[in-house]
Amino acid sequence: AVVGLTAPAASARVEPDPMAAGQRVNVSDGRRCATDRGA
């Protein structure tokens, strides 16, 4: 429980990771930003 509470919240997600130069990737906020304020 202590480890779970001190672990950082989900951050940016880039998939796939690892990636190659020239590859198409998806970047997301991991549901941390309010959709009405933009990111």
PDB file of all heavy atoms in Angstrom:
ATOM      1  N   ALA A   1       0.829  -1.208   0.000  1.00  0.00           N
ATOM      2  CA  ALA A   1       0.000   0.000   0.000  1.00  0.00           C
ATOM      3  C   ALA A   1       0.858   1.250   0.000  1.00  0.00           C
ATOM      4  O   ALA A   1       0.573   2.220  -0.699  1.00  0.00           O
ATOM      5  CB  ALA A   1      -0.942  -0.013   1.206  1.00  0.00           C
ATOM      6  N   VAL A   2       1.922   1.250   0.801  1.00  0.00           N
ATOM      7  CA  VAL A   2       2.813   2.411   0.846  1.00  0.00           C
ATOM      8  C   VAL A   2       3.472   2.628  -0.511  1.00  0.00           C
ATOM      9  O   VAL A   2       3.538   3.740  -1.012  1.00  0.00           O
ATOM     10  CB  VAL A   2       3.875   2.242   1.959  1.00  0.00           C
ATOM     11  CG1 VAL A   2       4.962   3.292   1.834  1.00  0.00           C
ATOM     12  CG2 VAL A   2       3.203   2.323   3.315  1.00  0.00           C
ATOM     13  N   VAL A   3       3.942   1.553  -1.132  1.00  0.00           N
ATOM     14  CA  VAL A   3       4.551   1.672  -2.457  1.00  0.00           C
ATOM     15  C   VAL A   3       3.524   2.194  -3.450  1.00  0.00           C
ATOM     16  O   VAL A   3       3.817   3.053  -4.274  1.00  0.00           O
ATOM     17  CB  VAL A   3       5.141   0.322  -2.917  1.00  0.00           C
ATOM     18  CG1 VAL A   3       5.515   0.353  -4.383  1.00  0.00           C
ATOM     19  CG2 VAL A   3       6.340  -0.034  -2.071  1.00  0.00           C
ATOM     20  N   GLY A   4       2.307   1.710  -3.387  1.00  0.00           N
ATOM     21  CA  GLY A   4       1.248   2.177  -4.286  1.00  0.00           C
ATOM     22  C   GLY A   4       0.932   3.638  -4.100  1.00  0.00           C
ATOM     23  O   GLY A   4       0.671   4.361  -5.055  1.00  0.00           O
ATOM     24  N   LEU A   5       0.969   4.117  -2.850  1.00  0.00           N
ATOM     25  CA  LEU A   5       0.657   5.526  -2.589  1.00  0.00           C
ATOM     26  C   LEU A   5       1.795   6.450  -3.005  1.00  0.00           C
ATOM     27  O   LEU A   5       1.560   7.590  -3.378  1.00  0.00           O
ATOM     28  CB  LEU A   5       0.348   5.721  -1.096  1.00  0.00           C
ATOM     29  CG  LEU A   5      -0.931   5.086  -0.597  1.00  0.00           C
ATOM     30  CD1 LEU A   5      -1.028   5.243   0.918  1.00  0.00           C
ATOM     31  CD2 LEU A   5      -2.139   5.700  -1.272  1.00  0.00           C
ATOM     32  N   THR A   6       3.020   5.972  -2.937  1.00  0.00           N
ATOM     33  CA  THR A   6       4.144   6.834  -3.280  1.00  0.00           C
ATOM     34  C   THR A   6       4.547   6.728  -4.737  1.00  0.00           C
ATOM     35  O   THR A   6       5.348   7.508  -5.206  1.00  0.00           O
ATOM     36  CB  THR A   6       5.377   6.487  -2.414  1.00  0.00           C
ATOM     37  OG1 THR A   6       5.731   5.128  -2.651  1.00  0.00           O
ATOM     38  CG2 THR A   6       5.100   6.724  -0.946  1.00  0.00           C
ATOM     39  N   ALA A   7       3.994   5.769  -5.475  1.00  0.00           N
ATOM     40  CA  ALA A   7       4.336   5.644  -6.886  1.00  0.00           C
ATOM     41  C   ALA A   7       3.764   6.829  -7.646  1.00  0.00           C
ATOM     42  O   ALA A   7       2.673   7.310  -7.336  1.00  0.00           O
ATOM     43  CB  ALA A   7       3.759   4.346  -7.450  1.00  0.00           C
ATOM     44  N   PRO A   8       4.472   7.331  -8.648  1.00  0.00           N
ATOM     45  CA  PRO A   8       3.966   8.458  -9.401  1.00  0.00           C
ATOM     46  C   PRO A   8       2.731   8.072 -10.198  1.00  0.00           C
ATOM     47  O   PRO A   8       2.586   6.927 -10.612  1.00  0.00           O
ATOM     48  CB  PRO A   8       5.129   8.810 -10.343  1.00  0.00           C
ATOM     49  CG  PRO A   8       5.948   7.578 -10.421  1.00  0.00           C
ATOM     50  CD  PRO A   8       5.759   6.866  -9.128  1.00  0.00           C
ATOM     51  N   ALA A   9       1.866   9.033 -10.389  1.00  0.00           N
ATOM     52  CA  ALA A   9       0.669   8.793 -11.179  1.00  0.00           C
ATOM     53  C   ALA A   9       1.070   8.570 -12.629  1.00  0.00           C
ATOM     54  O   ALA A   9       2.163   8.925 -13.042  1.00  0.00           O
ATOM     55  CB  ALA A   9      -0.267   9.994 -11.072  1.00  0.00           C
ATOM     56  N   ALA A  10       0.158   7.978 -13.383  1.00  0.00           N
ATOM     57  CA  ALA A  10       0.450   7.736 -14.789  1.00  0.00           C
ATOM     58  C   ALA A  10       0.794   9.044 -15.489  1.00  0.00           C
ATOM     59  O   ALA A  10       0.238  10.082 -15.197  1.00  0.00           O
ATOM     60  CB  ALA A  10      -0.774   7.100 -15.448  1.00  0.00           C
ATOM     61  N   SER A  11       1.753   8.967 -16.381  1.00  0.00           N
ATOM     62  CA  SER A  11       2.171  10.171 -17.087  1.00  0.00           C
ATOM     63  C   SER A  11       1.890  10.001 -18.574  1.00  0.00           C
ATOM     64  O   SER A  11       1.044   9.215 -18.953  1.00  0.00           O
ATOM     65  CB  SER A  11       3.650  10.433 -16.820  1.00  0.00           C
ATOM     66  OG  SER A  11       4.412   9.325 -17.229  1.00  0.00           O
ATOM     67  N   ALA A  12       2.627  10.724 -19.382  1.00  0.00           N
ATOM     68  CA  ALA A  12       2.440  10.633 -20.826  1.00  0.00           C
ATOM     69  C   ALA A  12       2.619   9.196 -21.282  1.00  0.00           C
ATOM     70  O   ALA A  12       3.421   8.461 -20.733  1.00  0.00           O
ATOM     71  CB  ALA A  12       3.452  11.535 -21.522  1.00  0.00           C
ATOM     72  N   ARG A  13       1.860   8.816 -22.279  1.00  0.00           N
ATOM     73  CA  ARG A  13       1.995   7.484 -22.849  1.00  0.00           C
ATOM     74  C   ARG A  13       2.313   7.638 -24.321  1.00  0.00           C
ATOM     75  O   ARG A  13       1.617   8.338 -25.044  1.00  0.00           O
ATOM     76  CB  ARG A  13       0.707   6.695 -22.679  1.00  0.00           C
ATOM     77  CG  ARG A  13       0.424   6.376 -21.239  1.00  0.00           C
ATOM     78  CD  ARG A  13      -0.779   5.493 -21.113  1.00  0.00           C
ATOM     79  NE  ARG A  13      -1.041   5.280 -19.697  1.00  0.00           N
ATOM     80  CZ  ARG A  13      -2.180   4.869 -19.219  1.00  0.00           C
ATOM     81  NH1 ARG A  13      -3.178   4.622 -20.022  1.00  0.00           N
ATOM     82  NH2 ARG A  13      -2.332   4.697 -17.925  1.00  0.00           N
ATOM     83  N   VAL A  14       3.360   6.979 -24.748  1.00  0.00           N
ATOM     84  CA  VAL A  14       3.731   6.974 -26.155  1.00  0.00           C
ATOM     85  C   VAL A  14       3.825   5.516 -26.565  1.00  0.00           C
ATOM     86  O   VAL A  14       4.571   4.741 -25.971  1.00  0.00           O
ATOM     87  CB  VAL A  14       5.073   7.693 -26.392  1.00  0.00           C
ATOM     88  CG1 VAL A  14       5.403   7.722 -27.876  1.00  0.00           C
ATOM     89  CG2 VAL A  14       5.027   9.111 -25.836  1.00  0.00           C
ATOM     90  N   GLU A  15       3.037   5.135 -27.555  1.00  0.00           N
ATOM     91  CA  GLU A  15       2.998   3.741 -27.989  1.00  0.00           C
ATOM     92  C   GLU A  15       3.239   3.670 -29.482  1.00  0.00           C
ATOM     93  O   GLU A  15       2.640   4.461 -30.214  1.00  0.00           O
ATOM     94  CB  GLU A  15       1.652   3.119 -27.652  1.00  0.00           C
ATOM     95  CG  GLU A  15       1.417   3.041 -26.170  1.00  0.00           C
ATOM     96  CD  GLU A  15       0.002   2.596 -25.833  1.00  0.00           C
ATOM     97  OE1 GLU A  15      -0.889   2.665 -26.711  1.00  0.00           O
ATOM     98  OE2 GLU A  15      -0.210   2.179 -24.702  1.00  0.00           O
ATOM     99  N   PRO A  16       4.068   2.795 -29.980  1.00  0.00           N
ATOM    100  CA  PRO A  16       4.842   1.830 -29.217  1.00  0.00           C
ATOM    101  C   PRO A  16       6.090   2.453 -28.612  1.00  0.00           C
ATOM    102  O   PRO A  16       6.553   3.496 -29.071  1.00  0.00           O
ATOM    103  CB  PRO A  16       5.231   0.793 -30.267  1.00  0.00           C
ATOM    104  CG  PRO A  16       5.313   1.565 -31.538  1.00  0.00           C
ATOM    105  CD  PRO A  16       4.262   2.632 -31.431  1.00  0.00           C
ATOM    106  N   ASP A  17       6.612   1.836 -27.603  1.00  0.00           N
ATOM    107  CA  ASP A  17       7.870   2.246 -26.989  1.00  0.00           C
ATOM    108  C   ASP A  17       8.622   0.976 -26.639  1.00  0.00           C
ATOM    109  O   ASP A  17       8.109   0.192 -25.841  1.00  0.00           O
ATOM    110  CB  ASP A  17       7.614   3.078 -25.736  1.00  0.00           C
ATOM    111  CG  ASP A  17       8.889   3.617 -25.110  1.00  0.00           C
ATOM    112  OD1 ASP A  17       9.934   3.613 -25.780  1.00  0.00           O
ATOM    113  OD2 ASP A  17       8.828   4.049 -23.943  1.00  0.00           O
ATOM    114  N   PRO A  18       9.743   0.679 -27.223  1.00  0.00           N
ATOM    115  CA  PRO A  18      10.570   1.544 -28.057  1.00  0.00           C
ATOM    116  C   PRO A  18      10.007   1.700 -29.465  1.00  0.00           C
ATOM    117  O   PRO A  18       9.152   0.933 -29.897  1.00  0.00           O
ATOM    118  CB  PRO A  18      11.918   0.834 -28.097  1.00  0.00           C
ATOM    119  CG  PRO A  18      11.599  -0.596 -27.871  1.00  0.00           C
ATOM    120  CD  PRO A  18      10.385  -0.614 -26.977  1.00  0.00           C
ATOM    121  N   MET A  19      10.526   2.694 -30.159  1.00  0.00           N
ATOM    122  CA  MET A  19      10.066   3.031 -31.502  1.00  0.00           C
ATOM    123  C   MET A  19      11.261   3.195 -32.423  1.00  0.00           C
ATOM    124  O   MET A  19      12.398   3.210 -31.966  1.00  0.00           O
ATOM    125  CB  MET A  19       9.251   4.314 -31.454  1.00  0.00           C
ATOM    126  CG  MET A  19      10.066   5.515 -31.008  1.00  0.00           C
ATOM    127  SD  MET A  19       9.100   6.875 -30.358  1.00  0.00           S
ATOM    128  CE  MET A  19       8.435   6.190 -28.866  1.00  0.00           C
ATOM    129  N   ALA A  20      10.995   3.360 -33.719  1.00  0.00           N
ATOM    130  CA  ALA A  20      12.057   3.575 -34.702  1.00  0.00           C
ATOM    131  C   ALA A  20      11.861   4.933 -35.347  1.00  0.00           C
ATOM    132  O   ALA A  20      10.746   5.473 -35.371  1.00  0.00           O
ATOM    133  CB  ALA A  20      12.015   2.488 -35.767  1.00  0.00           C
ATOM    134  N   ALA A  21      12.948   5.489 -35.874  1.00  0.00           N
ATOM    135  CA  ALA A  21      12.865   6.747 -36.607  1.00  0.00           C
ATOM    136  C   ALA A  21      11.912   6.569 -37.781  1.00  0.00           C
ATOM    137  O   ALA A  21      11.909   5.546 -38.444  1.00  0.00           O
ATOM    138  CB  ALA A  21      14.243   7.161 -37.091  1.00  0.00           C
ATOM    139  N   GLY A  22      11.038   7.551 -38.009  1.00  0.00           N
ATOM    140  CA  GLY A  22      10.077   7.492 -39.097  1.00  0.00           C
ATOM    141  C   GLY A  22       8.804   6.736 -38.779  1.00  0.00           C
ATOM    142  O   GLY A  22       7.897   6.658 -39.606  1.00  0.00           O
ATOM    143  N   GLN A  23       8.679   6.189 -37.587  1.00  0.00           N
ATOM    144  CA  GLN A  23       7.517   5.381 -37.213  1.00  0.00           C
ATOM    145  C   GLN A  23       6.365   6.247 -36.725  1.00  0.00           C
ATOM    146  O   GLN A  23       6.553   7.280 -36.101  1.00  0.00           O
ATOM    147  CB  GLN A  23       7.912   4.388 -36.128  1.00  0.00           C
ATOM    148  CG  GLN A  23       6.820   3.417 -35.748  1.00  0.00           C
ATOM    149  CD  GLN A  23       7.321   2.327 -34.826  1.00  0.00           C
ATOM    150  OE1 GLN A  23       8.462   2.322 -34.392  1.00  0.00           O
ATOM    151  NE2 GLN A  23       6.453   1.388 -34.507  1.00  0.00           N
ATOM    152  N   ARG A  24       5.152   5.816 -37.000  1.00  0.00           N
ATOM    153  CA  ARG A  24       3.942   6.492 -36.519  1.00  0.00           C
ATOM    154  C   ARG A  24       3.707   6.046 -35.081  1.00  0.00           C
ATOM    155  O   ARG A  24       3.770   4.857 -34.771  1.00  0.00           O
ATOM    156  CB  ARG A  24       2.765   6.090 -37.400  1.00  0.00           C
ATOM    157  CG  ARG A  24       1.563   6.929 -37.208  1.00  0.00           C
ATOM    158  CD  ARG A  24       1.468   7.932 -38.340  1.00  0.00           C
ATOM    159  NE  ARG A  24       0.198   8.625 -38.249  1.00  0.00           N
ATOM    160  CZ  ARG A  24       0.110   9.929 -38.170  1.00  0.00           C
ATOM    161  NH1 ARG A  24       1.188  10.663 -38.226  1.00  0.00           N
ATOM    162  NH2 ARG A  24      -1.046  10.512 -38.074  1.00  0.00           N
ATOM    163  N   VAL A  25       3.443   7.001 -34.163  1.00  0.00           N
ATOM    164  CA  VAL A  25       3.214   6.700 -32.760  1.00  0.00           C
ATOM    165  C   VAL A  25       1.955   7.401 -32.265  1.00  0.00           C
ATOM    166  O   VAL A  25       1.495   8.369 -32.870  1.00  0.00           O
ATOM    167  CB  VAL A  25       4.419   7.113 -31.873  1.00  0.00           C
ATOM    168  CG1 VAL A  25       5.646   6.297 -32.209  1.00  0.00           C
ATOM    169  CG2 VAL A  25       4.707   8.595 -31.990  1.00  0.00           C
ATOM    170  N   ASN A  26       1.416   6.901 -31.160  1.00  0.00           N
ATOM    171  CA  ASN A  26       0.281   7.532 -30.506  1.00  0.00           C
ATOM    172  C   ASN A  26       0.753   8.109 -29.181  1.00  0.00           C
ATOM    173  O   ASN A  26       1.378   7.416 -28.388  1.00  0.00           O
ATOM    174  CB  ASN A  26      -0.845   6.526 -30.262  1.00  0.00           C
ATOM    175  CG  ASN A  26      -2.029   7.166 -29.587  1.00  0.00           C
ATOM    176  OD1 ASN A  26      -2.084   7.260 -28.363  1.00  0.00           O
ATOM    177  ND2 ASN A  26      -2.969   7.638 -30.373  1.00  0.00           N
ATOM    178  N   VAL A  27       0.453   9.386 -28.961  1.00  0.00           N
ATOM    179  CA  VAL A  27       0.817  10.076 -27.720  1.00  0.00           C
ATOM    180  C   VAL A  27      -0.468  10.373 -26.974  1.00  0.00           C
ATOM    181  O   VAL A  27      -1.417  10.912 -27.558  1.00  0.00           O
ATOM    182  CB  VAL A  27       1.555  11.404 -28.026  1.00  0.00           C
ATOM    183  CG1 VAL A  27       1.955  12.091 -26.740  1.00  0.00           C
ATOM    184  CG2 VAL A  27       2.751  11.171 -28.912  1.00  0.00           C
ATOM    185  N   SER A  28      -0.518  10.022 -25.685  1.00  0.00           N
ATOM    186  CA  SER A  28      -1.718  10.332 -24.894  1.00  0.00           C
ATOM    187  C   SER A  28      -1.317  10.819 -23.511  1.00  0.00           C
ATOM    188  O   SER A  28      -0.188  10.630 -23.067  1.00  0.00           O
ATOM    189  CB  SER A  28      -2.639   9.111 -24.784  1.00  0.00           C
ATOM    190  OG  SER A  28      -2.041   8.106 -24.023  1.00  0.00           O
ATOM    191  N   ASP A  29      -2.278  11.438 -22.832  1.00  0.00           N
ATOM    192  CA  ASP A  29      -2.017  12.027 -21.515  1.00  0.00           C
ATOM    193  C   ASP A  29      -2.292  11.070 -20.368  1.00  0.00           C
ATOM    194  O   ASP A  29      -2.127  11.442 -19.217  1.00  0.00           O
ATOM    195  CB  ASP A  29      -2.856  13.289 -21.339  1.00  0.00           C
ATOM    196  CG  ASP A  29      -4.338  12.990 -21.219  1.00  0.00           C
ATOM    197  OD1 ASP A  29      -4.774  11.875 -21.573  1.00  0.00           O
ATOM    198  OD2 ASP A  29      -5.082  13.880 -20.774  1.00  0.00           O
ATOM    199  N   GLY A  30      -2.703   9.842 -20.643  1.00  0.00           N
ATOM    200  CA  GLY A  30      -3.011   8.896 -19.574  1.00  0.00           C
ATOM    201  C   GLY A  30      -4.175   9.354 -18.705  1.00  0.00           C
ATOM    202  O   GLY A  30      -4.230   9.059 -17.522  1.00  0.00           O
ATOM    203  N   ARG A  31      -5.094  10.109 -19.294  1.00  0.00           N
ATOM    204  CA  ARG A  31      -6.297  10.634 -18.611  1.00  0.00           C
ATOM    205  C   ARG A  31      -5.976  11.605 -17.480  1.00  0.00           C
ATOM    206  O   ARG A  31      -6.675  11.663 -16.480  1.00  0.00           O
ATOM    207  CB  ARG A  31      -7.163   9.494 -18.094  1.00  0.00           C
ATOM    208  CG  ARG A  31      -7.733   8.631 -19.173  1.00  0.00           C
ATOM    209  CD  ARG A  31      -8.735   7.652 -18.581  1.00  0.00           C
ATOM    210  NE  ARG A  31      -9.385   6.896 -19.605  1.00  0.00           N
ATOM    211  CZ  ARG A  31     -10.494   7.275 -20.237  1.00  0.00           C
ATOM    212  NH1 ARG A  31     -11.058   8.398 -19.944  1.00  0.00           N
ATOM    213  NH2 ARG A  31     -11.016   6.509 -21.158  1.00  0.00           N
ATOM    214  N   ARG A  32      -4.906  12.365 -17.626  1.00  0.00           N
ATOM    215  CA  ARG A  32      -4.537  13.322 -16.585  1.00  0.00           C
ATOM    216  C   ARG A  32      -5.012  14.741 -16.870  1.00  0.00           C
ATOM    217  O   ARG A  32      -5.083  15.555 -15.959  1.00  0.00           O
ATOM    218  CB  ARG A  32      -3.034  13.316 -16.385  1.00  0.00           C
ATOM    219  CG  ARG A  32      -2.584  12.003 -15.741  1.00  0.00           C
ATOM    220  CD  ARG A  32      -1.191  11.999 -15.305  1.00  0.00           C
ATOM    221  NE  ARG A  32      -0.862  13.059 -14.377  1.00  0.00           N
ATOM    222  CZ  ARG A  32       0.357  13.264 -13.921  1.00  0.00           C
ATOM    223  NH1 ARG A  32       1.330  12.479 -14.306  1.00  0.00           N
ATOM    224  NH2 ARG A  32       0.613  14.236 -13.090  1.00  0.00           N
ATOM    225  N   CYS A  33      -5.283  15.082 -18.117  1.00  0.00           N
ATOM    226  CA  CYS A  33      -5.704  16.446 -18.463  1.00  0.00           C
ATOM    227  C   CYS A  33      -7.222  16.504 -18.615  1.00  0.00           C
ATOM    228  O   CYS A  33      -7.848  15.559 -19.075  1.00  0.00           O
ATOM    229  CB  CYS A  33      -5.062  16.881 -19.777  1.00  0.00           C
ATOM    230  SG  CYS A  33      -3.265  16.932 -19.763  1.00  0.00           S
ATOM    231  N   ALA A  34      -7.791  17.627 -18.250  1.00  0.00           N
ATOM    232  CA  ALA A  34      -9.226  17.838 -18.447  1.00  0.00           C
ATOM    233  C   ALA A  34      -9.478  18.058 -19.940  1.00  0.00           C
ATOM    234  O   ALA A  34      -8.819  18.884 -20.570  1.00  0.00           O
ATOM    235  CB  ALA A  34      -9.699  19.050 -17.654  1.00  0.00           C
ATOM    236  N   THR A  35     -10.417  17.306 -20.502  1.00  0.00           N
ATOM    237  CA  THR A  35     -10.648  17.385 -21.943  1.00  0.00           C
ATOM    238  C   THR A  35     -11.172  18.748 -22.378  1.00  0.00           C
ATOM    239  O   THR A  35     -10.963  19.152 -23.511  1.00  0.00           O
ATOM    240  CB  THR A  35     -11.631  16.289 -22.402  1.00  0.00           C
ATOM    241  OG1 THR A  35     -12.838  16.405 -21.661  1.00  0.00           O
ATOM    242  CG2 THR A  35     -11.034  14.915 -22.219  1.00  0.00           C
ATOM    243  N   ASP A  36     -11.817  19.478 -21.487  1.00  0.00           N
ATOM    244  CA  ASP A  36     -12.354  20.788 -21.867  1.00  0.00           C
ATOM    245  C   ASP A  36     -11.296  21.901 -21.871  1.00  0.00           C
ATOM    246  O   ASP A  36     -11.528  22.974 -22.395  1.00  0.00           O
ATOM    247  CB  ASP A  36     -13.524  21.175 -20.959  1.00  0.00           C
ATOM    248  CG  ASP A  36     -13.120  21.276 -19.496  1.00  0.00           C
ATOM    249  OD1 ASP A  36     -12.081  20.686 -19.115  1.00  0.00           O
ATOM    250  OD2 ASP A  36     -13.850  21.934 -18.735  1.00  0.00           O
ATOM    251  N   ARG A  37     -10.111  21.635 -21.313  1.00  0.00           N
ATOM    252  CA  ARG A  37      -9.058  22.651 -21.274  1.00  0.00           C
ATOM    253  C   ARG A  37      -7.997  22.440 -22.339  1.00  0.00           C
ATOM    254  O   ARG A  37      -7.165  23.304 -22.567  1.00  0.00           O
ATOM    255  CB  ARG A  37      -8.408  22.665 -19.890  1.00  0.00           C
ATOM    256  CG  ARG A  37      -9.449  23.066 -18.821  1.00  0.00           C
ATOM    257  CD  ARG A  37      -8.850  23.433 -17.532  1.00  0.00           C
ATOM    258  NE  ARG A  37      -7.948  24.573 -17.696  1.00  0.00           N
ATOM    259  CZ  ARG A  37      -6.969  24.850 -16.863  1.00  0.00           C
ATOM    260  NH1 ARG A  37      -6.775  24.081 -15.827  1.00  0.00           N
ATOM    261  NH2 ARG A  37      -6.199  25.879 -17.053  1.00  0.00           N
ATOM    262  N   GLY A  38      -7.966  21.253 -22.959  1.00  0.00           N
ATOM    263  CA  GLY A  38      -7.003  20.972 -24.015  1.00  0.00           C
ATOM    264  C   GLY A  38      -5.647  20.558 -23.476  1.00  0.00           C
ATOM    265  O   GLY A  38      -5.368  20.676 -22.291  1.00  0.00           O
ATOM    266  N   ALA A  39      -4.802  20.076 -24.382  1.00  0.00           N
ATOM    267  CA  ALA A  39      -3.457  19.649 -24.003  1.00  0.00           C
ATOM    268  C   ALA A  39      -2.584  19.602 -25.248  1.00  0.00           C
ATOM    269  O   ALA A  39      -3.077  19.437 -26.367  1.00  0.00           O
ATOM    270  CB  ALA A  39      -3.499  18.274 -23.338  1.00  0.00           C
TER     271      ALA A  39
END
